[in-house]
Amino acid sequence: MHVAICIVGFRNPHDIAACLKALESSTHTDFEVVICENGGREAFEVLVQTLPAKLAGGQSVRAADAGSNLGYAGGINRCIAGAPDADAWWVLNPDTVPDRAALAHLCARLEAGGCAAVGGTIHDADGRVESRGGQWKPWLARAVSVDNGLRLGEAPGPAAAAERVNYLSGASMLVGREFVERVGLMREDYFLYAEEVEWCLRGVQAGLKLGLAPQANVLHQQGTSTGSVHDIGSRGRMPVYLDERNKILVTRDRYPARLIVAAGAAFILLFLRFARRGAWAQLGYGLSGWLAGLGNERGPPLWLRV
């Protein structure tokens, strides 16, 4: 199986270099790397200076200048278009360090059949699981990460059964050709956040199934590109705003009949998440994003375009 590894950068060449270094030890060797730099011409030139033309195993590494910030979905779509002959595309965050056997486990699960896209185990530097896929709760406009908080050595919980997972983490997901041909590409009007949720839900609603390879471990150093940090009171305007806005957009696009109820639930959850922790600035960012979702605002936020 020939895999195109799709990475979207945003002025973070050191993250990408660490990711490529990990990929050099991959036990699955039939792959190429395609990178889309969203950070502008200067960032692209810096990135190119740091990239090898080939990895130690001979795999090619190619980079493209997006020309402008296309968002995560736009960057991934550019990468997929840049490797049209691949058998599958591994969507991989630049701030990840995959285990050497991660890609082999993902490919083995996809080749075993019964699914069109595969996720693995995303974990942090402390060995805590961030997710093994997730469950989208349409009445709450809420994404729930499966097995969040478990230790890496612990067995997956019952929620990690593939039939109970309806989306995969965009930090690491292997997407087969059937998925792309039947479902299409990611929606670029989300810009950032929840685009992989909508993509997977679209595939599930089209009758495709998702698979899991729990042994495919990928370290995720979360938020190096977007500023999405663990301390809730330190989160910036953009990640909070887009997270709340795009939850509403997912509901609007995939479950429109539930929008009114889900929007009300999202409003309550927003207050519970930020107000009780005294994160008043983040509450304001979230409320403005929630309102933007109700107004069907798409693309980069208006205040980013100024």
Protein backbone atom coordinates (compact mmCIF):
# COMPACT_ATOMS: atom_id res chain seq x y z
CA MET A 1 0.00 0.00 0.00
CA HIS A 2 1.50 3.30 -1.11
CA VAL A 3 0.63 6.07 1.34
CA ALA A 4 0.90 9.82 0.91
CA ILE A 5 1.52 11.46 4.28
CA CYS A 6 -0.26 14.83 4.33
CA ILE A 7 1.09 17.50 6.69
CA VAL A 8 -0.08 21.11 6.97
CA GLY A 9 2.43 23.55 8.39
CA PHE A 10 2.07 27.06 9.74
CA ARG A 11 5.44 28.62 10.53
CA ASN A 12 6.58 25.59 12.53
CA PRO A 13 9.49 23.99 10.65
CA HIS A 14 10.97 22.52 13.84
CA ASP A 15 7.76 20.55 14.51
CA ILE A 16 7.81 19.24 10.97
CA ALA A 17 11.49 18.29 11.22
CA ALA A 18 10.77 16.24 14.38
CA CYS A 19 7.82 14.55 12.68
CA LEU A 20 9.92 13.65 9.63
CA LYS A 21 12.69 12.30 11.86
CA ALA A 22 10.19 9.93 13.46
CA LEU A 23 8.86 8.88 10.06
CA GLU A 24 12.36 7.84 8.99
CA SER A 25 12.14 4.89 11.39
CA SER A 26 8.71 3.77 10.15
CA THR A 27 8.42 0.01 9.65
CA HIS A 28 6.04 0.68 6.74
CA THR A 29 8.33 2.20 4.13
CA ASP A 30 6.14 2.61 1.03
CA PHE A 31 5.18 6.25 1.46
CA GLU A 32 5.87 9.80 0.36
CA VAL A 33 5.47 13.04 2.30
CA VAL A 34 3.55 16.04 0.99
CA ILE A 35 3.57 19.26 3.02
CA CYS A 36 1.44 22.37 2.52
CA GLU A 37 2.81 25.51 4.18
CA ASN A 38 0.01 27.90 5.14
CA GLY A 39 2.21 30.55 6.73
CA GLY A 40 3.13 32.66 3.73
CA ARG A 41 6.04 32.89 1.31
CA GLU A 42 8.70 33.64 3.91
CA ALA A 43 7.63 30.68 6.04
CA PHE A 44 7.66 28.46 2.96
CA GLU A 45 11.21 29.49 2.10
CA VAL A 46 12.35 28.79 5.68
CA LEU A 47 10.64 25.39 5.57
CA VAL A 48 12.22 24.42 2.25
CA GLN A 49 15.67 25.22 3.62
CA THR A 50 15.15 22.75 6.47
CA LEU A 51 13.61 19.90 4.45
CA PRO A 52 15.52 17.00 2.95
CA ALA A 53 14.60 16.04 -0.61
CA LYS A 54 14.36 12.45 0.60
CA LEU A 55 14.24 10.69 3.94
CA ALA A 56 16.88 8.17 4.96
CA GLY A 57 14.76 5.35 3.49
CA GLY A 58 14.52 7.11 0.11
CA GLN A 59 10.96 8.42 0.53
CA SER A 60 10.36 11.72 -1.26
CA VAL A 61 9.50 14.91 0.64
CA ARG A 62 7.71 17.67 -1.25
CA ALA A 63 6.42 21.03 -0.03
CA ALA A 64 3.93 23.46 -1.58
CA ASP A 65 3.33 27.10 -0.78
CA ALA A 66 -0.40 27.58 -0.16
CA GLY A 67 -0.14 31.23 -1.20
CA SER A 68 -2.38 32.22 1.70
CA ASN A 69 -3.70 30.55 4.84
CA LEU A 70 -6.04 27.90 3.46
CA GLY A 71 -6.88 26.55 6.91
CA TYR A 72 -6.30 22.96 7.92
CA ALA A 73 -8.84 21.45 5.55
CA GLY A 74 -7.61 23.51 2.62
CA GLY A 75 -4.03 22.46 3.31
CA ILE A 76 -4.94 18.77 3.56
CA ASN A 77 -6.94 18.98 0.35
CA ARG A 78 -3.93 20.54 -1.38
CA CYS A 79 -1.75 17.66 -0.15
CA ILE A 80 -4.21 15.01 -1.35
CA ALA A 81 -4.39 16.69 -4.75
CA GLY A 82 -0.59 16.65 -4.85
CA ALA A 83 -0.48 12.86 -4.51
CA PRO A 84 -3.38 11.63 -6.67
CA ASP A 85 -1.97 8.14 -7.25
CA ALA A 86 -1.69 7.14 -3.60
CA ASP A 87 -3.64 4.14 -2.30
CA ALA A 88 -4.33 6.00 0.94
CA TRP A 89 -3.56 9.35 2.58
CA TRP A 90 -2.32 9.68 6.14
CA VAL A 91 -3.59 12.99 7.54
CA LEU A 92 -0.99 13.84 10.17
CA ASN A 93 -0.52 16.93 12.34
CA PRO A 94 2.90 18.59 12.11
CA ASP A 95 3.21 18.54 15.92
CA THR A 96 3.09 14.74 16.12
CA VAL A 97 5.76 12.09 16.61
CA PRO A 98 4.44 8.75 15.31
CA ASP A 99 5.60 5.45 16.74
CA ARG A 100 7.72 3.51 14.27
CA ALA A 101 4.97 0.88 13.82
CA ALA A 102 2.05 3.35 13.69
CA LEU A 103 1.68 3.48 9.92
CA ALA A 104 2.09 -0.29 9.59
CA HIS A 105 -0.78 -0.86 12.05
CA LEU A 106 -3.00 1.67 10.26
CA CYS A 107 -2.31 0.10 6.85
CA ALA A 108 -2.90 -3.41 8.15
CA ARG A 109 -6.31 -2.42 9.52
CA LEU A 110 -7.32 -0.67 6.29
CA GLU A 111 -6.17 -3.63 4.18
CA ALA A 112 -8.10 -6.05 6.41
CA GLY A 113 -11.30 -4.50 5.02
CA GLY A 114 -14.59 -3.49 6.53
CA CYS A 115 -13.65 0.17 6.86
CA ALA A 116 -12.71 3.09 4.64
CA ALA A 117 -10.67 5.17 7.12
CA VAL A 118 -8.66 4.22 10.20
CA GLY A 119 -7.62 6.01 13.38
CA GLY A 120 -5.18 5.03 16.08
CA THR A 121 -4.21 6.13 19.57
CA ILE A 122 -3.33 9.79 20.05
CA HIS A 123 -1.46 10.41 23.31
CA ASP A 124 0.38 13.16 25.12
CA ALA A 125 3.97 13.28 26.39
CA ASP A 126 2.93 11.85 29.77
CA GLY A 127 1.55 8.70 28.17
CA ARG A 128 -2.09 9.68 28.60
CA VAL A 129 -4.49 8.88 25.79
CA GLU A 130 -6.05 11.93 24.14
CA SER A 131 -8.33 9.91 21.91
CA ARG A 132 -9.00 6.69 20.06
CA GLY A 133 -11.49 8.30 17.73
CA GLY A 134 -14.58 9.91 19.13
CA GLN A 135 -18.33 10.04 19.41
CA TRP A 136 -20.24 13.03 18.12
CA LYS A 137 -23.32 13.77 20.23
CA PRO A 138 -25.69 15.45 17.76
CA TRP A 139 -28.24 16.63 20.34
CA LEU A 140 -25.48 18.39 22.30
CA ALA A 141 -23.28 19.58 19.41
CA ARG A 142 -20.44 17.99 21.33
CA ALA A 143 -17.47 15.80 20.45
CA VAL A 144 -16.43 13.24 23.05
CA SER A 145 -12.95 11.73 22.70
CA VAL A 146 -12.88 7.99 23.33
CA ASP A 147 -10.58 6.69 26.10
CA ASN A 148 -9.41 10.19 27.00
CA GLY A 149 -7.25 10.05 30.12
CA LEU A 150 -6.38 6.34 30.05
CA ARG A 151 -2.75 5.29 30.29
CA LEU A 152 -1.17 3.91 27.13
CA GLY A 153 -0.76 0.44 28.65
CA GLU A 154 -4.43 0.16 29.62
CA ALA A 155 -6.79 -1.81 27.42
CA PRO A 156 -9.19 0.24 25.28
CA GLY A 157 -12.57 0.82 26.88
CA PRO A 158 -15.86 -0.45 25.42
CA ALA A 159 -16.51 2.92 23.76
CA ALA A 160 -13.48 2.29 21.52
CA ALA A 161 -15.34 -0.42 19.61
CA ALA A 162 -15.26 0.67 15.97
CA GLU A 163 -19.03 0.56 15.60
CA ARG A 164 -19.39 3.14 18.39
CA VAL A 165 -16.87 5.60 16.95
CA ASN A 166 -18.26 8.01 14.35
CA TYR A 167 -15.29 10.30 13.84
CA LEU A 168 -11.48 10.03 13.91
CA SER A 169 -8.92 12.51 15.16
CA GLY A 170 -7.53 14.82 12.51
CA ALA A 171 -4.15 14.58 14.24
CA SER A 172 -3.72 11.10 12.72
CA MET A 173 -6.14 9.35 10.39
CA LEU A 174 -5.48 7.08 7.42
CA VAL A 175 -8.05 7.65 4.67
CA GLY A 176 -8.46 5.13 1.87
CA ARG A 177 -9.19 5.86 -1.77
CA GLU A 178 -12.78 4.64 -1.46
CA PHE A 179 -13.46 7.22 1.24
CA VAL A 180 -12.13 10.12 -0.83
CA GLU A 181 -13.86 8.99 -4.02
CA ARG A 182 -17.27 8.50 -2.36
CA VAL A 183 -17.24 11.29 0.21
CA GLY A 184 -15.06 13.95 -1.40
CA LEU A 185 -12.54 16.17 0.33
CA MET A 186 -12.66 18.08 3.62
CA ARG A 187 -14.87 21.16 3.80
CA GLU A 188 -12.62 24.18 3.52
CA ASP A 189 -15.25 26.61 4.82
CA TYR A 190 -14.61 25.39 8.39
CA PHE A 191 -11.07 26.84 8.18
CA LEU A 192 -9.91 25.23 11.46
CA TYR A 193 -11.47 22.81 13.94
CA ALA A 194 -14.10 20.08 13.50
CA GLU A 195 -13.44 19.64 9.78
CA GLU A 196 -12.39 16.03 10.37
CA VAL A 197 -15.54 15.45 12.45
CA GLU A 198 -17.79 16.64 9.63
CA TRP A 199 -15.74 14.65 7.09
CA CYS A 200 -16.11 11.42 9.04
CA LEU A 201 -19.80 11.98 9.78
CA ARG A 202 -20.36 12.59 6.08
CA GLY A 203 -18.66 9.28 5.33
CA VAL A 204 -20.66 7.40 7.96
CA GLN A 205 -23.91 8.88 6.65
CA ALA A 206 -22.86 7.72 3.16
CA GLY A 207 -22.66 4.15 4.49
CA LEU A 208 -18.91 3.87 5.02
CA LYS A 209 -17.39 2.49 8.21
CA LEU A 210 -14.50 3.70 10.31
CA GLY A 211 -11.84 1.43 11.78
CA LEU A 212 -9.46 1.63 14.72
CA ALA A 213 -5.91 0.38 15.14
CA PRO A 214 -5.28 1.01 18.86
CA GLN A 215 -1.62 -0.06 18.52
CA ALA A 216 -0.95 2.83 16.11
CA ASN A 217 0.44 5.21 18.74
CA VAL A 218 1.09 8.84 17.85
CA LEU A 219 2.47 11.42 20.29
CA HIS A 220 0.66 14.73 19.89
CA GLN A 221 2.26 17.91 21.17
CA GLN A 222 -1.07 19.71 21.03
CA GLY A 223 -1.52 23.30 20.01
CA THR A 224 1.91 24.33 18.74
CA SER A 225 0.37 25.83 15.59
CA THR A 226 -2.97 27.14 16.86
CA GLY A 227 -2.30 28.12 20.45
CA SER A 228 -4.79 25.58 21.79
CA VAL A 229 -3.24 25.01 25.23
CA HIS A 230 -4.35 22.77 28.09
CA ASP A 231 -4.89 25.65 30.56
CA ILE A 232 -8.42 26.75 29.75
CA GLY A 233 -7.85 30.29 31.03
CA SER A 234 -4.91 30.77 28.66
CA ARG A 235 -6.58 29.72 25.45
CA GLY A 236 -6.52 32.29 22.69
CA ARG A 237 -9.37 33.87 20.83
CA MET A 238 -9.08 31.91 17.58
CA PRO A 239 -9.18 28.31 18.92
CA VAL A 240 -12.05 29.02 21.32
CA TYR A 241 -14.06 30.99 18.77
CA LEU A 242 -13.66 28.46 15.96
CA ASP A 243 -14.24 25.46 18.21
CA GLU A 244 -17.62 26.81 19.30
CA ARG A 245 -18.59 28.15 15.88
CA ASN A 246 -17.78 24.95 14.07
CA LYS A 247 -19.71 22.74 16.50
CA ILE A 248 -22.78 24.62 15.35
CA LEU A 249 -21.74 24.31 11.71
CA VAL A 250 -21.32 20.54 12.04
CA THR A 251 -24.86 20.35 13.41
CA ARG A 252 -26.18 22.62 10.68
CA ASP A 253 -24.51 20.58 7.94
CA ARG A 254 -25.05 17.02 9.19
CA TYR A 255 -28.06 17.19 11.56
CA PRO A 256 -30.06 20.29 10.55
CA ALA A 257 -33.29 19.05 12.16
CA ARG A 258 -31.55 19.09 15.55
CA LEU A 259 -30.00 22.56 15.25
CA ILE A 260 -32.34 24.40 17.64
CA VAL A 261 -32.00 21.88 20.45
CA ALA A 262 -28.27 21.38 19.90
CA ALA A 263 -27.58 25.12 19.82
CA GLY A 264 -29.34 25.52 23.17
CA ALA A 265 -27.34 22.65 24.66
CA ALA A 266 -24.10 24.09 23.29
CA PHE A 267 -24.92 27.45 24.88
CA ILE A 268 -25.39 25.83 28.31
CA LEU A 269 -22.24 23.72 27.97
CA LEU A 270 -20.30 26.82 26.95
CA PHE A 271 -21.20 28.53 30.23
CA LEU A 272 -20.46 25.41 32.27
CA ARG A 273 -17.08 25.04 30.60
CA PHE A 274 -15.76 28.58 31.00
CA ALA A 275 -17.82 30.57 33.52
CA ARG A 276 -17.44 28.15 36.42
CA ARG A 277 -13.66 28.35 36.00
CA GLY A 278 -13.61 32.13 35.82
CA ALA A 279 -12.34 32.09 32.21
CA TRP A 280 -14.32 35.19 31.30
CA ALA A 281 -12.31 36.20 28.24
CA GLN A 282 -12.65 32.69 26.83
CA LEU A 283 -16.38 32.77 27.57
CA GLY A 284 -16.62 35.90 25.44
CA TYR A 285 -14.66 34.30 22.62
CA GLY A 286 -16.89 31.23 22.77
CA LEU A 287 -20.13 33.21 22.81
CA SER A 288 -19.07 35.18 19.74
CA GLY A 289 -18.20 31.92 17.98
CA TRP A 290 -21.53 30.38 18.99
CA LEU A 291 -23.36 33.39 17.53
CA ALA A 292 -21.29 33.18 14.35
CA GLY A 293 -22.30 29.55 13.96
CA LEU A 294 -25.96 30.46 14.31
CA GLY A 295 -25.40 33.11 11.66
CA ASN A 296 -23.79 30.49 9.38
CA GLU A 297 -20.49 32.37 9.21
CA ARG A 298 -17.82 30.33 7.44
CA GLY A 299 -14.20 30.58 6.46
CA PRO A 300 -11.61 32.48 8.48
CA PRO A 301 -13.19 34.81 11.07
CA LEU A 302 -13.87 38.31 9.85
CA TRP A 303 -11.44 39.76 12.40
CA LEU A 304 -8.64 37.60 10.97
CA ARG A 305 -9.15 39.08 7.52
CA VAL A 306 -8.59 42.67 8.56
